[in-house]
């Protein structure tokens, strides 16, 4: 990237760009975009939308999606594959979980890249506990740091080999949250040493990945502010966990964060996030976020360039053969 790029990743309202959206994107050139179910009807329509987003932004902007499988997948049947919840697939595959999850996400990458989508908000390396809120629990890969890190690496490799950027989340760990951060702010009172020995470890093991997404929750051992807007937590992520990839906020409009979206955007960037994510497609909110976020500069620009450079062409693979292997690894269960 050589000219100014907005430090934002933005959603859009519908299945095609409005004139107002196209004009805004042409003016500010967002770093990237994110798609949701409201944006998806048919393969041809999604391809056309991706083309129009990049044309409006004036660069090869990454286009993101949440395609974890299970409850969180924006591409659904009958057009696209349905998937088991990640935790269920890991448990079903047992000792072959890494192979099974690699195959799963290599197939997902194939589906995404065919549409023009080249970044996936996965792996999710939060550790499941007995107290983990149901909104998150079966999206996890396991109950201990080593398992989660190993499976997370397999997920990332499957995406990268398919030409899709992995985005590790929710850094530095969301598994202890007992409320849904889409609706309220989780508060975790675990001591710092325990967090370092558990929740932070999978992220440290994957600290070489190109992009990461923050967790909207408070760690009282570090700060009274949510991690997304906390300079102290950002220092933990950069220095203790060692993550030097591009850090994007989780959706800035989630109800875990209270206050004006423009001010929250400024606080997130001041804390150390590189890019602000705004998902709901509400145009007035989007313009406020864009106005507050400014352009990618300095280290944030360096990380953005490095993330885009990590996009590689897919390694050739026979998808039907890989599907058959996955079915075998799941003892005949297949995708769902």
Protein backbone atom coordinates (compact mmCIF):
# COMPACT_ATOMS: atom_id res chain seq x y z
CA UNK A 1 0.00 0.00 0.00
CA UNK A 2 1.35 3.42 -0.91
CA UNK A 3 -1.44 5.97 -0.31
CA UNK A 4 -3.61 6.71 2.70
CA UNK A 5 -5.74 3.85 3.95
CA UNK A 6 -8.43 4.22 6.63
CA UNK A 7 -7.64 2.33 9.85
CA UNK A 8 -10.99 0.55 9.65
CA UNK A 9 -12.63 -2.71 8.63
CA UNK A 10 -16.26 -2.08 7.76
CA UNK A 11 -19.47 -4.00 7.18
CA UNK A 12 -22.11 -3.05 4.62
CA UNK A 13 -25.88 -3.01 4.85
CA UNK A 14 -27.00 -5.40 2.13
CA UNK A 15 -26.18 -7.64 -0.79
CA UNK A 16 -24.81 -4.84 -2.96
CA UNK A 17 -23.21 -1.48 -2.29
CA UNK A 18 -25.37 1.59 -1.92
CA UNK A 19 -24.29 4.79 -3.62
CA UNK A 20 -23.47 6.33 -0.23
CA UNK A 21 -21.33 3.35 0.79
CA UNK A 22 -19.45 3.36 -2.51
CA UNK A 23 -18.76 7.10 -2.23
CA UNK A 24 -17.51 6.78 1.37
CA UNK A 25 -15.25 3.85 0.57
CA UNK A 26 -13.80 5.66 -2.44
CA UNK A 27 -13.04 8.68 -0.27
CA UNK A 28 -11.49 6.96 2.78
CA UNK A 29 -10.20 3.64 1.36
CA UNK A 30 -10.90 1.26 4.29
CA UNK A 31 -8.21 -1.29 5.08
CA UNK A 32 -10.77 -4.08 4.75
CA UNK A 33 -14.38 -5.22 4.84
CA UNK A 34 -16.38 -7.92 6.64
CA UNK A 35 -19.37 -9.92 5.39
CA UNK A 36 -22.36 -11.26 7.33
CA UNK A 37 -25.39 -13.37 6.49
CA UNK A 38 -27.28 -10.23 5.41
CA UNK A 39 -24.71 -9.78 2.65
CA UNK A 40 -24.97 -13.30 1.23
CA UNK A 41 -27.46 -14.75 -1.23
CA UNK A 42 -25.72 -16.62 -4.06
CA UNK A 43 -22.11 -17.31 -5.08
CA UNK A 44 -22.30 -14.95 -8.04
CA UNK A 45 -23.80 -12.19 -5.90
CA UNK A 46 -21.06 -12.55 -3.25
CA UNK A 47 -18.35 -12.47 -5.90
CA UNK A 48 -19.87 -9.31 -7.38
CA UNK A 49 -20.09 -7.70 -3.94
CA UNK A 50 -16.45 -8.49 -3.18
CA UNK A 51 -15.40 -7.04 -6.54
CA UNK A 52 -17.37 -3.86 -5.92
CA UNK A 53 -15.93 -3.44 -2.41
CA UNK A 54 -12.36 -3.64 -3.68
CA UNK A 55 -13.13 -1.39 -6.63
CA UNK A 56 -14.60 1.25 -4.32
CA UNK A 57 -11.67 1.05 -1.89
CA UNK A 58 -9.17 1.28 -4.72
CA UNK A 59 -6.90 -1.49 -3.44
CA UNK A 60 -6.89 -5.24 -2.87
CA UNK A 61 -8.60 -4.90 0.48
CA UNK A 62 -8.91 -8.08 2.54
CA UNK A 63 -12.51 -9.23 2.81
CA UNK A 64 -13.24 -10.98 6.09
CA UNK A 65 -15.91 -13.36 7.29
CA UNK A 66 -16.68 -15.37 10.42
CA UNK A 67 -16.71 -18.90 9.06
CA UNK A 68 -15.87 -20.95 12.13
CA UNK A 69 -18.48 -23.64 11.50
CA UNK A 70 -21.19 -24.64 13.92
CA UNK A 71 -23.30 -21.74 15.13
CA UNK A 72 -20.94 -19.13 13.72
CA UNK A 73 -20.84 -19.53 9.97
CA UNK A 74 -22.12 -16.98 7.50
CA UNK A 75 -22.10 -19.36 4.52
CA UNK A 76 -24.73 -22.04 5.12
CA UNK A 77 -26.45 -24.92 3.38
CA UNK A 78 -27.75 -25.91 1.00
CA UNK A 79 -25.38 -23.84 -1.15
CA UNK A 80 -22.38 -24.18 1.16
CA UNK A 81 -21.25 -26.85 3.60
CA UNK A 82 -22.59 -27.04 7.12
CA UNK A 83 -20.10 -27.86 9.86
CA UNK A 84 -20.08 -29.40 13.32
CA UNK A 85 -19.33 -27.04 16.22
CA UNK A 86 -15.53 -26.89 16.52
CA UNK A 87 -15.38 -28.38 20.02
CA UNK A 88 -17.58 -31.28 18.93
CA UNK A 89 -15.37 -31.99 15.92
CA UNK A 90 -12.20 -31.87 18.02
CA UNK A 91 -13.69 -34.31 20.52
CA UNK A 92 -14.97 -36.61 17.77
CA UNK A 93 -11.58 -36.73 16.05
CA UNK A 94 -9.71 -37.42 19.31
CA UNK A 95 -5.99 -37.92 18.75
CA UNK A 96 -6.43 -36.92 15.08
CA UNK A 97 -7.98 -33.54 15.92
CA UNK A 98 -5.17 -31.53 14.36
CA UNK A 99 -5.48 -33.42 11.06
CA UNK A 100 -9.27 -33.11 11.09
CA UNK A 101 -9.28 -29.40 11.83
CA UNK A 102 -6.60 -28.73 9.21
CA UNK A 103 -8.75 -30.52 6.62
CA UNK A 104 -11.89 -28.67 7.75
CA UNK A 105 -10.32 -25.24 7.41
CA UNK A 106 -8.51 -26.06 4.18
CA UNK A 107 -11.94 -26.90 2.72
CA UNK A 108 -13.43 -23.73 4.23
CA UNK A 109 -10.60 -21.70 2.68
CA UNK A 110 -11.43 -23.23 -0.71
CA UNK A 111 -15.07 -22.18 -0.36
CA UNK A 112 -14.14 -18.66 0.73
CA UNK A 113 -11.52 -17.98 -1.92
CA UNK A 114 -13.92 -19.07 -4.68
CA UNK A 115 -16.11 -16.14 -3.60
CA UNK A 116 -13.33 -13.58 -3.29
CA UNK A 117 -13.24 -13.74 0.52
CA UNK A 118 -9.63 -13.96 1.65
CA UNK A 119 -9.60 -13.62 5.45
CA UNK A 120 -11.36 -15.70 8.09
CA UNK A 121 -11.87 -14.74 11.75
CA UNK A 122 -10.29 -17.97 13.01
CA UNK A 123 -8.57 -19.68 14.76
CA UNK A 124 -10.43 -19.05 18.00
CA UNK A 125 -7.96 -20.08 20.71
CA UNK A 126 -9.92 -19.17 23.81
CA UNK A 127 -9.81 -22.00 26.35
CA UNK A 128 -13.13 -23.57 27.31
CA UNK A 129 -13.82 -23.85 31.04
CA UNK A 130 -16.78 -25.09 33.04
CA UNK A 131 -17.88 -21.46 33.41
CA UNK A 132 -17.44 -20.36 29.77
CA UNK A 133 -20.61 -18.69 28.51
CA UNK A 134 -22.61 -20.81 26.02
CA UNK A 135 -22.20 -18.17 23.30
CA UNK A 136 -18.53 -19.17 23.15
CA UNK A 137 -18.05 -22.62 24.64
CA UNK A 138 -18.65 -24.98 21.72
CA UNK A 139 -16.72 -22.63 19.44
CA UNK A 140 -13.55 -23.45 21.40
CA UNK A 141 -11.05 -26.21 20.56
CA UNK A 142 -10.40 -27.63 24.00
CA UNK A 143 -10.02 -27.22 27.74
CA UNK A 144 -6.25 -26.85 28.05
CA UNK A 145 -3.70 -24.47 26.57
CA UNK A 146 -1.58 -27.09 24.78
CA UNK A 147 -4.50 -28.70 22.94
CA UNK A 148 -5.96 -25.35 21.97
CA UNK A 149 -2.61 -24.07 20.69
CA UNK A 150 -1.93 -27.18 18.60
CA UNK A 151 -5.40 -27.26 17.07
CA UNK A 152 -5.26 -23.49 16.53
CA UNK A 153 -2.03 -23.90 14.57
CA UNK A 154 -3.66 -26.57 12.39
CA UNK A 155 -6.61 -24.25 11.71
CA UNK A 156 -4.28 -21.38 10.78
CA UNK A 157 -2.23 -23.62 8.49
CA UNK A 158 -5.34 -24.91 6.74
CA UNK A 159 -6.46 -21.37 6.00
CA UNK A 160 -3.02 -20.15 4.91
CA UNK A 161 -2.54 -23.15 2.61
CA UNK A 162 -5.88 -22.27 1.05
CA UNK A 163 -4.86 -18.67 0.37
CA UNK A 164 -6.90 -17.18 3.21
CA UNK A 165 -5.54 -15.02 6.03
CA UNK A 166 -6.21 -16.38 9.53
CA UNK A 167 -7.25 -13.92 12.25
CA UNK A 168 -6.56 -15.29 15.72
CA UNK A 169 -9.14 -14.38 18.37
CA UNK A 170 -10.05 -13.25 21.00
CA UNK A 171 -6.69 -12.02 22.12
CA UNK A 172 -5.60 -12.27 24.99
CA UNK A 173 -8.31 -14.83 25.89
CA UNK A 174 -12.10 -14.87 26.28
CA UNK A 175 -12.67 -18.32 27.76
CA UNK A 176 -13.20 -17.16 31.36
CA UNK A 177 -16.03 -14.79 30.37
CA UNK A 178 -19.32 -15.73 31.99
CA UNK A 179 -21.45 -13.24 30.07
CA UNK A 180 -21.92 -12.66 26.32
CA UNK A 181 -19.82 -9.68 25.28
CA UNK A 182 -22.27 -8.96 22.47
CA UNK A 183 -24.66 -7.93 25.23
CA UNK A 184 -22.64 -6.96 28.30
CA UNK A 185 -19.08 -6.48 29.55
CA UNK A 186 -17.46 -9.60 31.06
CA UNK A 187 -15.19 -9.05 34.06
CA UNK A 188 -12.46 -11.61 34.82
CA UNK A 189 -10.84 -11.46 38.26
CA UNK A 190 -8.24 -14.20 37.75
CA UNK A 191 -4.71 -13.31 38.87
CA UNK A 192 -2.10 -12.38 36.27
CA UNK A 193 0.16 -15.39 36.87
CA UNK A 194 -2.70 -17.80 36.24
CA UNK A 195 -3.73 -15.92 33.10
CA UNK A 196 -0.15 -16.07 31.83
CA UNK A 197 0.03 -19.82 32.47
CA UNK A 198 -3.30 -20.58 30.79
CA UNK A 199 -5.34 -18.10 28.74
CA UNK A 200 -2.39 -16.22 27.25
CA UNK A 201 -0.41 -19.31 26.23
CA UNK A 202 -2.22 -20.27 23.02
CA UNK A 203 -1.86 -16.71 21.76
CA UNK A 204 1.84 -16.73 22.60
CA UNK A 205 2.19 -20.00 20.66
CA UNK A 206 0.52 -18.34 17.65
CA UNK A 207 2.12 -14.92 17.99
CA UNK A 208 3.55 -15.13 14.47
CA UNK A 209 0.13 -15.01 12.78
CA UNK A 210 -0.57 -11.97 10.61
CA UNK A 211 -3.73 -10.67 12.31
CA UNK A 212 -5.48 -10.83 15.66
CA UNK A 213 -8.81 -9.67 17.11
CA UNK A 214 -9.21 -8.28 20.61
CA UNK A 215 -11.44 -9.46 23.44
CA UNK A 216 -14.01 -7.03 24.85
CA UNK A 217 -13.59 -7.91 28.51
CA UNK A 218 -11.95 -6.57 31.66
CA UNK A 219 -9.02 -8.35 33.32
CA UNK A 220 -8.94 -6.81 36.78
CA UNK A 221 -5.37 -8.06 37.30
CA UNK A 222 -4.28 -5.56 34.62
CA UNK A 223 -6.81 -2.74 34.29
CA UNK A 224 -10.39 -1.67 34.94
CA UNK A 225 -10.87 -0.88 31.25
CA UNK A 226 -11.81 -3.45 28.58
CA UNK A 227 -8.79 -5.01 26.88
CA UNK A 228 -9.72 -3.34 23.58
CA UNK A 229 -9.33 0.14 25.07
CA UNK A 230 -6.63 -0.65 27.64
CA UNK A 231 -3.02 0.44 26.99
CA UNK A 232 -1.95 -1.93 29.78
CA UNK A 233 -3.55 -4.94 28.11
CA UNK A 234 -2.15 -3.93 24.73
CA UNK A 235 1.32 -3.89 26.29
CA UNK A 236 0.66 -7.40 27.60
CA UNK A 237 -0.35 -8.51 24.11
CA UNK A 238 2.67 -6.94 22.44
CA UNK A 239 5.35 -7.55 25.09
CA UNK A 240 4.27 -10.54 27.20
CA UNK A 241 2.43 -12.53 24.53
CA UNK A 242 4.77 -11.25 21.82
CA UNK A 243 2.14 -10.66 19.15
CA UNK A 244 3.37 -8.25 16.46
CA UNK A 245 0.67 -8.86 13.88
CA UNK A 246 -2.07 -6.41 12.95
CA UNK A 247 -4.52 -6.08 15.85
CA UNK A 248 -8.12 -5.28 15.01
CA UNK A 249 -10.77 -4.59 17.59
CA UNK A 250 -13.70 -6.92 17.98
CA UNK A 251 -16.82 -5.18 16.69
CA UNK A 252 -16.72 -1.68 18.17
CA UNK A 253 -20.53 -1.58 18.28
CA UNK A 254 -20.90 -4.59 20.61
CA UNK A 255 -22.70 -3.74 23.84
CA UNK A 256 -19.73 -4.78 25.99
CA UNK A 257 -18.32 -1.35 25.17
CA UNK A 258 -20.26 1.63 26.48
CA UNK A 259 -20.22 5.10 24.99
CA UNK A 260 -19.92 7.03 21.78
CA UNK A 261 -18.55 4.94 18.91
CA UNK A 262 -16.23 7.68 17.69
CA UNK A 263 -14.71 8.05 21.16
CA UNK A 264 -14.44 4.26 21.56
CA UNK A 265 -12.63 4.13 18.22
CA UNK A 266 -10.17 6.79 19.34
CA UNK A 267 -9.62 5.02 22.66
CA UNK A 268 -8.96 1.68 20.94
CA UNK A 269 -6.35 3.12 18.62
CA UNK A 270 -4.77 5.14 21.42
CA UNK A 271 -4.53 1.97 23.51
CA UNK A 272 -2.56 0.22 20.76
CA UNK A 273 -5.04 -1.41 18.38
CA UNK A 274 -4.15 -0.90 14.73
CA UNK A 275 -7.58 -1.08 13.08
CA UNK A 276 -11.18 -0.53 14.23
CA UNK A 277 -13.81 -3.09 13.21
CA UNK A 278 -17.38 -1.87 12.68
CA UNK A 279 -19.78 -4.58 11.63
CA UNK A 280 -23.45 -3.64 11.59
CA UNK A 281 -23.51 -1.61 8.37
CA UNK A 282 -25.34 1.36 9.92
CA UNK A 283 -24.12 4.20 7.73
CA UNK A 284 -24.23 7.00 10.30
CA UNK A 285 -22.25 4.89 12.76
CA UNK A 286 -19.80 3.89 10.05
CA UNK A 287 -19.05 7.49 9.12
CA UNK A 288 -18.47 8.39 12.77
CA UNK A 289 -16.05 5.48 13.20
CA UNK A 290 -14.21 6.35 10.00
CA UNK A 291 -13.93 9.99 11.02
CA UNK A 292 -12.44 9.09 14.39
CA UNK A 293 -10.06 6.39 13.19
CA UNK A 294 -7.85 8.28 10.77
CA UNK A 295 -5.33 6.54 8.53
CA UNK A 296 -2.93 3.66 9.01
CA UNK A 297 0.45 5.09 9.93
CA UNK A 298 3.74 4.05 11.50
CA UNK A 299 3.83 0.58 13.06
CA UNK A 300 0.16 0.04 12.24
CA UNK A 301 0.89 0.59 8.56
CA UNK A 302 3.90 -1.73 8.76
CA UNK A 303 1.76 -4.47 10.31
CA UNK A 304 -0.98 -3.93 7.73
CA UNK A 305 1.52 -4.28 4.89
CA UNK A 306 2.95 -7.43 6.49
CA UNK A 307 -0.52 -8.94 6.88
CA UNK A 308 -1.35 -8.36 3.23
CA UNK A 309 2.01 -9.80 2.20
CA UNK A 310 1.06 -13.00 4.04
CA UNK A 311 -1.72 -13.62 1.50
CA UNK A 312 -0.39 -16.34 -0.79
CA UNK A 313 -1.91 -18.30 -3.59
CA UNK A 314 -3.53 -21.57 -2.47
CA UNK A 315 -1.56 -24.80 -2.47
CA UNK A 316 -3.28 -27.15 -4.87
CA UNK A 317 -5.37 -29.85 -3.24
CA UNK A 318 -8.05 -32.33 -4.33
CA UNK A 319 -11.06 -31.18 -2.30
CA UNK A 320 -13.14 -34.39 -2.70
CA UNK A 321 -10.16 -36.44 -1.52
CA UNK A 322 -9.73 -34.11 1.45
CA UNK A 323 -13.45 -34.39 2.27
CA UNK A 324 -13.20 -38.17 2.21
CA UNK A 325 -10.22 -38.01 4.56
CA UNK A 326 -12.13 -35.75 6.93
CA UNK A 327 -15.09 -38.13 6.95
CA UNK A 328 -12.71 -40.95 7.84
CA UNK A 329 -11.13 -38.89 10.64
CA UNK A 330 -14.60 -38.18 12.02
CA UNK A 331 -15.59 -41.87 11.95
CA UNK A 332 -18.05 -41.42 9.12
CA UNK A 333 -19.73 -38.27 10.39
CA UNK A 334 -18.59 -36.03 7.53
CA UNK A 335 -19.13 -32.30 7.85
CA UNK A 336 -22.29 -32.28 9.97
